[in-house]
């Protein structure tokens, strides 16, 4: 149940950030890889969310939130050197 709450929160955060504008422009921030209208969350983001849930629930080393943000920035590449199973 905790994982479901986390995933729902992350999906809501994703939706909110998609409507944000890019700093210095009037254009909304758009996903580049395989995300069009009505397609939902991209696979790379789902992968980051799954690693985040594992990190939180299994007590991995490192700061799960920071590693999640890194994974988002790298479009699905989790920083296993910083956040990994104990």
PDB file of N, CA and C in Angstrom:
ATOM      1  N   UNK A   1       0.819  -1.188   0.000  1.00  0.00           N
ATOM      2  CA  UNK A   1       0.000   0.000   0.000  1.00  0.00           C
ATOM      3  C   UNK A   1       0.866   1.257   0.000  1.00  0.00           C
ATOM      4  N   UNK A   2       1.972   1.270   0.737  1.00  0.00           N
ATOM      5  CA  UNK A   2       2.875   2.416   0.783  1.00  0.00           C
ATOM      6  C   UNK A   2       3.442   2.704  -0.606  1.00  0.00           C
ATOM      7  N   UNK A   3       3.801   1.663  -1.339  1.00  0.00           N
ATOM      8  CA  UNK A   3       4.354   1.832  -2.684  1.00  0.00           C
ATOM      9  C   UNK A   3       3.321   2.491  -3.595  1.00  0.00           C
ATOM     10  N   UNK A   4       2.084   2.098  -3.480  1.00  0.00           N
ATOM     11  CA  UNK A   4       1.033   2.673  -4.310  1.00  0.00           C
ATOM     12  C   UNK A   4       0.868   4.167  -4.021  1.00  0.00           C
ATOM     13  N   UNK A   5       0.946   4.549  -2.749  1.00  0.00           N
ATOM     14  CA  UNK A   5       0.847   5.963  -2.382  1.00  0.00           C
ATOM     15  C   UNK A   5       2.010   6.748  -2.977  1.00  0.00           C
ATOM     16  N   UNK A   6       3.206   6.183  -2.896  1.00  0.00           N
ATOM     17  CA  UNK A   6       4.391   6.855  -3.427  1.00  0.00           C
ATOM     18  C   UNK A   6       4.272   7.017  -4.929  1.00  0.00           C
ATOM     19  N   UNK A   7       3.866   5.953  -5.629  1.00  0.00           N
ATOM     20  CA  UNK A   7       3.723   6.031  -7.085  1.00  0.00           C
ATOM     21  C   UNK A   7       2.670   7.052  -7.490  1.00  0.00           C
ATOM     22  N   UNK A   8       1.555   7.091  -6.761  1.00  0.00           N
ATOM     23  CA  UNK A   8       0.504   8.066  -7.067  1.00  0.00           C
ATOM     24  C   UNK A   8       1.034   9.482  -6.874  1.00  0.00           C
ATOM     25  N   UNK A   9       1.760   9.710  -5.797  1.00  0.00           N
ATOM     26  CA  UNK A   9       2.338  11.026  -5.549  1.00  0.00           C
ATOM     27  C   UNK A   9       3.317  11.410  -6.651  1.00  0.00           C
ATOM     28  N   UNK A  10       4.144  10.457  -7.061  1.00  0.00           N
ATOM     29  CA  UNK A  10       5.107  10.730  -8.122  1.00  0.00           C
ATOM     30  C   UNK A  10       4.425  11.027  -9.454  1.00  0.00           C
ATOM     31  N   UNK A  11       3.348  10.321  -9.751  1.00  0.00           N
ATOM     32  CA  UNK A  11       2.612  10.586 -10.980  1.00  0.00           C
ATOM     33  C   UNK A  11       1.973  11.967 -10.945  1.00  0.00           C
ATOM     34  N   UNK A  12       1.447  12.374  -9.774  1.00  0.00           N
ATOM     35  CA  UNK A  12       0.868  13.702  -9.640  1.00  0.00           C
ATOM     36  C   UNK A  12       1.947  14.769  -9.805  1.00  0.00           C
ATOM     37  N   UNK A  13       3.123  14.515  -9.234  1.00  0.00           N
ATOM     38  CA  UNK A  13       4.240  15.432  -9.379  1.00  0.00           C
ATOM     39  C   UNK A  13       4.643  15.541 -10.843  1.00  0.00           C
ATOM     40  N   UNK A  14       4.675  14.417 -11.526  1.00  0.00           N
ATOM     41  CA  UNK A  14       5.006  14.400 -12.949  1.00  0.00           C
ATOM     42  C   UNK A  14       4.023  15.251 -13.741  1.00  0.00           C
ATOM     43  N   UNK A  15       2.735  15.109 -13.466  1.00  0.00           N
ATOM     44  CA  UNK A  15       1.721  15.887 -14.178  1.00  0.00           C
ATOM     45  C   UNK A  15       1.890  17.372 -13.903  1.00  0.00           C
ATOM     46  N   UNK A  16       2.191  17.715 -12.659  1.00  0.00           N
ATOM     47  CA  UNK A  16       2.363  19.123 -12.302  1.00  0.00           C
ATOM     48  C   UNK A  16       3.580  19.726 -12.986  1.00  0.00           C
ATOM     49  N   UNK A  17       4.662  18.973 -13.072  1.00  0.00           N
ATOM     50  CA  UNK A  17       5.871  19.510 -13.696  1.00  0.00           C
ATOM     51  C   UNK A  17       5.734  19.614 -15.208  1.00  0.00           C
ATOM     52  N   UNK A  18       4.880  18.822 -15.807  1.00  0.00           N
ATOM     53  CA  UNK A  18       4.689  18.900 -17.251  1.00  0.00           C
ATOM     54  C   UNK A  18       4.012  20.194 -17.659  1.00  0.00           C
ATOM     55  N   UNK A  19       3.285  20.819 -16.753  1.00  0.00           N
ATOM     56  CA  UNK A  19       2.610  22.064 -17.076  1.00  0.00           C
ATOM     57  C   UNK A  19       3.472  23.279 -16.760  1.00  0.00           C
ATOM     58  N   UNK A  20       4.603  23.067 -16.103  1.00  0.00           N
ATOM     59  CA  UNK A  20       5.512  24.172 -15.782  1.00  0.00           C
ATOM     60  C   UNK A  20       6.161  24.689 -17.056  1.00  0.00           C
ATOM     61  N   UNK A  21       6.525  25.951 -17.024  1.00  0.00           N
ATOM     62  CA  UNK A  21       7.198  26.510 -18.192  1.00  0.00           C
ATOM     63  C   UNK A  21       8.699  26.478 -17.996  1.00  0.00           C
ATOM     64  N   UNK A  22       9.418  26.405 -19.101  1.00  0.00           N
ATOM     65  CA  UNK A  22      10.866  26.414 -19.072  1.00  0.00           C
ATOM     66  C   UNK A  22      11.317  27.816 -18.689  1.00  0.00           C
ATOM     67  N   UNK A  23      12.283  27.924 -17.804  1.00  0.00           N
ATOM     68  CA  UNK A  23      12.754  29.215 -17.339  1.00  0.00           C
ATOM     69  C   UNK A  23      13.227  30.066 -18.521  1.00  0.00           C
ATOM     70  N   UNK A  24      12.710  31.273 -18.612  1.00  0.00           N
ATOM     71  CA  UNK A  24      13.125  32.186 -19.656  1.00  0.00           C
ATOM     72  C   UNK A  24      12.339  32.046 -20.959  1.00  0.00           C
ATOM     73  N   UNK A  25      11.364  31.154 -21.023  1.00  0.00           N
ATOM     74  CA  UNK A  25      10.551  31.013 -22.233  1.00  0.00           C
ATOM     75  C   UNK A  25       9.084  30.933 -21.847  1.00  0.00           C
ATOM     76  N   UNK A  26       8.240  31.049 -22.842  1.00  0.00           N
ATOM     77  CA  UNK A  26       6.806  30.907 -22.610  1.00  0.00           C
ATOM     78  C   UNK A  26       6.304  29.540 -23.041  1.00  0.00           C
ATOM     79  N   UNK A  27       7.218  28.687 -23.504  1.00  0.00           N
ATOM     80  CA  UNK A  27       6.839  27.364 -23.974  1.00  0.00           C
ATOM     81  C   UNK A  27       6.818  26.377 -22.813  1.00  0.00           C
ATOM     82  N   UNK A  28       5.808  25.518 -22.719  1.00  0.00           N
ATOM     83  CA  UNK A  28       5.797  24.499 -21.671  1.00  0.00           C
ATOM     84  C   UNK A  28       6.909  23.485 -21.884  1.00  0.00           C
ATOM     85  N   UNK A  29       7.404  22.919 -20.780  1.00  0.00           N
ATOM     86  CA  UNK A  29       8.429  21.877 -20.834  1.00  0.00           C
ATOM     87  C   UNK A  29       7.812  20.628 -21.446  1.00  0.00           C
ATOM     88  N   UNK A  30       8.428  20.084 -22.488  1.00  0.00           N
ATOM     89  CA  UNK A  30       7.906  18.910 -23.183  1.00  0.00           C
ATOM     90  C   UNK A  30       8.891  17.766 -23.085  1.00  0.00           C
ATOM     91  N   UNK A  31       8.350  16.567 -22.980  1.00  0.00           N
ATOM     92  CA  UNK A  31       9.175  15.362 -22.993  1.00  0.00           C
ATOM     93  C   UNK A  31       9.615  15.095 -24.418  1.00  0.00           C
ATOM     94  N   UNK A  32      10.840  14.623 -24.602  1.00  0.00           N
ATOM     95  CA  UNK A  32      11.360  14.407 -25.940  1.00  0.00           C
ATOM     96  C   UNK A  32      11.191  12.980 -26.436  1.00  0.00           C
ATOM     97  N   UNK A  33      11.284  12.022 -25.546  1.00  0.00           N
ATOM     98  CA  UNK A  33      11.333  10.632 -25.982  1.00  0.00           C
ATOM     99  C   UNK A  33      10.002   9.916 -25.822  1.00  0.00           C
ATOM    100  N   UNK A  34       9.320   9.681 -26.903  1.00  0.00           N
ATOM    101  CA  UNK A  34       8.173   8.796 -26.922  1.00  0.00           C
ATOM    102  C   UNK A  34       7.012   9.159 -26.042  1.00  0.00           C
ATOM    103  N   UNK A  35       6.839  10.432 -25.759  1.00  0.00           N
ATOM    104  CA  UNK A  35       5.679  10.788 -24.958  1.00  0.00           C
ATOM    105  C   UNK A  35       4.859  11.817 -25.717  1.00  0.00           C
ATOM    106  N   UNK A  36       3.728  11.397 -26.200  1.00  0.00           N
ATOM    107  CA  UNK A  36       2.835  12.295 -26.918  1.00  0.00           C
ATOM    108  C   UNK A  36       1.571  12.476 -26.109  1.00  0.00           C
ATOM    109  N   UNK A  37       0.614  13.085 -26.723  1.00  0.00           N
ATOM    110  CA  UNK A  37      -0.659  13.303 -26.055  1.00  0.00           C
ATOM    111  C   UNK A  37      -1.312  11.982 -25.649  1.00  0.00           C
ATOM    112  N   UNK A  38      -1.704  11.862 -24.394  1.00  0.00           N
ATOM    113  CA  UNK A  38      -2.452  10.716 -23.930  1.00  0.00           C
ATOM    114  C   UNK A  38      -1.654   9.440 -23.724  1.00  0.00           C
ATOM    115  N   UNK A  39      -0.351   9.492 -23.829  1.00  0.00           N
ATOM    116  CA  UNK A  39       0.437   8.273 -23.663  1.00  0.00           C
ATOM    117  C   UNK A  39       0.814   8.001 -22.213  1.00  0.00           C
ATOM    118  N   UNK A  40       0.653   8.966 -21.319  1.00  0.00           N
ATOM    119  CA  UNK A  40       0.943   8.757 -19.911  1.00  0.00           C
ATOM    120  C   UNK A  40       2.413   8.895 -19.572  1.00  0.00           C
ATOM    121  N   UNK A  41       2.812   8.246 -18.497  1.00  0.00           N
ATOM    122  CA  UNK A  41       4.169   8.337 -17.988  1.00  0.00           C
ATOM    123  C   UNK A  41       5.138   7.563 -18.880  1.00  0.00           C
ATOM    124  N   UNK A  42       6.264   8.199 -19.253  1.00  0.00           N
ATOM    125  CA  UNK A  42       7.234   7.503 -20.111  1.00  0.00           C
ATOM    126  C   UNK A  42       7.901   6.347 -19.358  1.00  0.00           C
ATOM    127  N   UNK A  43       8.369   5.363 -20.105  1.00  0.00           N
ATOM    128  CA  UNK A  43       8.973   4.169 -19.503  1.00  0.00           C
ATOM    129  C   UNK A  43      10.184   4.506 -18.637  1.00  0.00           C
ATOM    130  N   UNK A  44      11.014   5.451 -19.067  1.00  0.00           N
ATOM    131  CA  UNK A  44      12.199   5.785 -18.285  1.00  0.00           C
ATOM    132  C   UNK A  44      11.809   6.341 -16.920  1.00  0.00           C
ATOM    133  N   UNK A  45      10.703   7.087 -16.854  1.00  0.00           N
ATOM    134  CA  UNK A  45      10.262   7.650 -15.578  1.00  0.00           C
ATOM    135  C   UNK A  45       9.674   6.562 -14.680  1.00  0.00           C
ATOM    136  N   UNK A  46       8.966   5.606 -15.290  1.00  0.00           N
ATOM    137  CA  UNK A  46       8.441   4.477 -14.516  1.00  0.00           C
ATOM    138  C   UNK A  46       9.585   3.691 -13.891  1.00  0.00           C
ATOM    139  N   UNK A  47      10.672   3.550 -14.638  1.00  0.00           N
ATOM    140  CA  UNK A  47      11.849   2.845 -14.142  1.00  0.00           C
ATOM    141  C   UNK A  47      12.432   3.580 -12.931  1.00  0.00           C
ATOM    142  N   UNK A  48      12.549   4.898 -13.029  1.00  0.00           N
ATOM    143  CA  UNK A  48      13.050   5.700 -11.904  1.00  0.00           C
ATOM    144  C   UNK A  48      12.145   5.554 -10.685  1.00  0.00           C
ATOM    145  N   UNK A  49      10.833   5.576 -10.924  1.00  0.00           N
ATOM    146  CA  UNK A  49       9.889   5.459  -9.815  1.00  0.00           C
ATOM    147  C   UNK A  49      10.005   4.091  -9.144  1.00  0.00           C
ATOM    148  N   UNK A  50      10.190   3.052  -9.939  1.00  0.00           N
ATOM    149  CA  UNK A  50      10.321   1.709  -9.370  1.00  0.00           C
ATOM    150  C   UNK A  50      11.580   1.602  -8.517  1.00  0.00           C
ATOM    151  N   UNK A  51      12.696   2.156  -9.003  1.00  0.00           N
ATOM    152  CA  UNK A  51      13.925   2.157  -8.198  1.00  0.00           C
ATOM    153  C   UNK A  51      13.736   2.955  -6.916  1.00  0.00           C
ATOM    154  N   UNK A  52      13.034   4.074  -7.017  1.00  0.00           N
ATOM    155  CA  UNK A  52      12.782   4.905  -5.834  1.00  0.00           C
ATOM    156  C   UNK A  52      11.987   4.140  -4.773  1.00  0.00           C
ATOM    157  N   UNK A  53      10.953   3.453  -5.219  1.00  0.00           N
ATOM    158  CA  UNK A  53      10.136   2.672  -4.288  1.00  0.00           C
ATOM    159  C   UNK A  53      10.993   1.582  -3.622  1.00  0.00           C
ATOM    160  N   UNK A  54      11.797   0.885  -4.413  1.00  0.00           N
ATOM    161  CA  UNK A  54      12.690  -0.132  -3.849  1.00  0.00           C
ATOM    162  C   UNK A  54      13.640   0.496  -2.842  1.00  0.00           C
ATOM    163  N   UNK A  55      14.204   1.646  -3.190  1.00  0.00           N
ATOM    164  CA  UNK A  55      15.140   2.344  -2.318  1.00  0.00           C
ATOM    165  C   UNK A  55      14.488   2.680  -0.980  1.00  0.00           C
ATOM    166  N   UNK A  56      13.278   3.208  -1.029  1.00  0.00           N
ATOM    167  CA  UNK A  56      12.559   3.584   0.191  1.00  0.00           C
ATOM    168  C   UNK A  56      12.157   2.368   1.024  1.00  0.00           C
ATOM    169  N   UNK A  57      11.560   1.395   0.370  1.00  0.00           N
ATOM    170  CA  UNK A  57      11.017   0.255   1.103  1.00  0.00           C
ATOM    171  C   UNK A  57      12.087  -0.693   1.634  1.00  0.00           C
ATOM    172  N   UNK A  58      13.175  -0.841   0.884  1.00  0.00           N
ATOM    173  CA  UNK A  58      14.199  -1.813   1.269  1.00  0.00           C
ATOM    174  C   UNK A  58      15.362  -1.186   2.025  1.00  0.00           C
ATOM    175  N   UNK A  59      15.296   0.112   2.304  1.00  0.00           N
ATOM    176  CA  UNK A  59      16.325   0.775   3.087  1.00  0.00           C
ATOM    177  C   UNK A  59      17.689   0.801   2.413  1.00  0.00           C
ATOM    178  N   UNK A  60      17.714   1.128   1.138  1.00  0.00           N
ATOM    179  CA  UNK A  60      18.979   1.193   0.407  1.00  0.00           C
ATOM    180  C   UNK A  60      19.879   2.273   0.994  1.00  0.00           C
ATOM    181  N   UNK A  61      21.159   2.199   0.667  1.00  0.00           N
ATOM    182  CA  UNK A  61      22.092   3.238   1.075  1.00  0.00           C
ATOM    183  C   UNK A  61      21.826   4.479   0.229  1.00  0.00           C
ATOM    184  N   UNK A  62      22.236   5.636   0.711  1.00  0.00           N
ATOM    185  CA  UNK A  62      22.084   6.869  -0.052  1.00  0.00           C
ATOM    186  C   UNK A  62      20.759   7.559   0.194  1.00  0.00           C
ATOM    187  N   UNK A  63      20.594   8.695  -0.445  1.00  0.00           N
ATOM    188  CA  UNK A  63      19.385   9.508  -0.307  1.00  0.00           C
ATOM    189  C   UNK A  63      18.487   9.239  -1.513  1.00  0.00           C
ATOM    190  N   UNK A  64      17.434   8.515  -1.266  1.00  0.00           N
ATOM    191  CA  UNK A  64      16.554   8.054  -2.344  1.00  0.00           C
ATOM    192  C   UNK A  64      15.985   9.196  -3.177  1.00  0.00           C
ATOM    193  N   UNK A  65      15.584  10.279  -2.535  1.00  0.00           N
ATOM    194  CA  UNK A  65      15.016  11.409  -3.262  1.00  0.00           C
ATOM    195  C   UNK A  65      16.020  12.043  -4.209  1.00  0.00           C
ATOM    196  N   UNK A  66      17.262  12.203  -3.735  1.00  0.00           N
ATOM    197  CA  UNK A  66      18.305  12.769  -4.593  1.00  0.00           C
ATOM    198  C   UNK A  66      18.586  11.839  -5.775  1.00  0.00           C
ATOM    199  N   UNK A  67      18.620  10.546  -5.503  1.00  0.00           N
ATOM    200  CA  UNK A  67      18.880   9.582  -6.572  1.00  0.00           C
ATOM    201  C   UNK A  67      17.733   9.558  -7.570  1.00  0.00           C
ATOM    202  N   UNK A  68      16.499   9.741  -7.095  1.00  0.00           N
ATOM    203  CA  UNK A  68      15.354   9.799  -7.994  1.00  0.00           C
ATOM    204  C   UNK A  68      15.468  11.000  -8.921  1.00  0.00           C
ATOM    205  N   UNK A  69      15.812  12.165  -8.365  1.00  0.00           N
ATOM    206  CA  UNK A  69      15.956  13.360  -9.193  1.00  0.00           C
ATOM    207  C   UNK A  69      17.077  13.187 -10.221  1.00  0.00           C
ATOM    208  N   UNK A  70      18.172  12.548  -9.829  1.00  0.00           N
ATOM    209  CA  UNK A  70      19.252  12.272 -10.774  1.00  0.00           C
ATOM    210  C   UNK A  70      18.749  11.376 -11.902  1.00  0.00           C
ATOM    211  N   UNK A  71      18.020  10.333 -11.526  1.00  0.00           N
ATOM    212  CA  UNK A  71      17.482   9.395 -12.504  1.00  0.00           C
ATOM    213  C   UNK A  71      16.563  10.120 -13.487  1.00  0.00           C
ATOM    214  N   UNK A  72      15.748  11.028 -12.985  1.00  0.00           N
ATOM    215  CA  UNK A  72      14.882  11.810 -13.869  1.00  0.00           C
ATOM    216  C   UNK A  72      15.716  12.633 -14.850  1.00  0.00           C
ATOM    217  N   UNK A  73      16.741  13.279 -14.334  1.00  0.00           N
ATOM    218  CA  UNK A  73      17.588  14.110 -15.179  1.00  0.00           C
ATOM    219  C   UNK A  73      18.326  13.318 -16.244  1.00  0.00           C
ATOM    220  N   UNK A  74      18.648  12.069 -15.914  1.00  0.00           N
ATOM    221  CA  UNK A  74      19.367  11.208 -16.849  1.00  0.00           C
ATOM    222  C   UNK A  74      18.430  10.311 -17.649  1.00  0.00           C
ATOM    223  N   UNK A  75      17.128  10.531 -17.496  1.00  0.00           N
ATOM    224  CA  UNK A  75      16.096   9.775 -18.211  1.00  0.00           C
ATOM    225  C   UNK A  75      16.223   8.265 -18.048  1.00  0.00           C
ATOM    226  N   UNK A  76      16.234   7.846 -16.787  1.00  0.00           N
ATOM    227  CA  UNK A  76      16.158   6.416 -16.497  1.00  0.00           C
ATOM    228  C   UNK A  76      17.442   5.772 -16.015  1.00  0.00           C
ATOM    229  N   UNK A  77      18.513   6.526 -15.878  1.00  0.00           N
ATOM    230  CA  UNK A  77      19.774   5.942 -15.411  1.00  0.00           C
ATOM    231  C   UNK A  77      19.898   6.184 -13.899  1.00  0.00           C
ATOM    232  N   UNK A  78      19.692   5.125 -13.136  1.00  0.00           N
ATOM    233  CA  UNK A  78      19.744   5.208 -11.674  1.00  0.00           C
ATOM    234  C   UNK A  78      21.203   5.229 -11.220  1.00  0.00           C
ATOM    235  N   UNK A  79      21.562   6.092 -10.257  1.00  0.00           N
ATOM    236  CA  UNK A  79      22.948   6.173  -9.773  1.00  0.00           C
ATOM    237  C   UNK A  79      23.254   5.093  -8.723  1.00  0.00           C
ATOM    238  N   UNK A  80      23.504   3.876  -9.183  1.00  0.00           N
ATOM    239  CA  UNK A  80      23.702   2.760  -8.263  1.00  0.00           C
ATOM    240  C   UNK A  80      24.915   2.932  -7.346  1.00  0.00           C
ATOM    241  N   UNK A  81      25.868   3.780  -7.717  1.00  0.00           N
ATOM    242  CA  UNK A  81      27.017   4.009  -6.837  1.00  0.00           C
ATOM    243  C   UNK A  81      26.606   4.798  -5.601  1.00  0.00           C
ATOM    244  N   UNK A  82      25.545   5.588  -5.711  1.00  0.00           N
ATOM    245  CA  UNK A  82      25.068   6.401  -4.589  1.00  0.00           C
ATOM    246  C   UNK A  82      23.917   5.757  -3.848  1.00  0.00           C
ATOM    247  N   UNK A  83      23.044   5.065  -4.551  1.00  0.00           N
ATOM    248  CA  UNK A  83      21.858   4.448  -3.944  1.00  0.00           C
ATOM    249  C   UNK A  83      21.768   3.004  -4.412  1.00  0.00           C
ATOM    250  N   UNK A  84      21.970   2.087  -3.466  1.00  0.00           N
ATOM    251  CA  UNK A  84      21.949   0.668  -3.819  1.00  0.00           C
ATOM    252  C   UNK A  84      21.536  -0.151  -2.604  1.00  0.00           C
ATOM    253  N   UNK A  85      21.268  -1.433  -2.855  1.00  0.00           N
ATOM    254  CA  UNK A  85      20.890  -2.331  -1.766  1.00  0.00           C
ATOM    255  C   UNK A  85      22.037  -2.458  -0.779  1.00  0.00           C
ATOM    256  N   UNK A  86      21.675  -2.664   0.465  1.00  0.00           N
ATOM    257  CA  UNK A  86      22.709  -2.854   1.499  1.00  0.00           C
ATOM    258  C   UNK A  86      23.285  -4.236   1.408  1.00  0.00           C
TER     259      UNK A  86
END
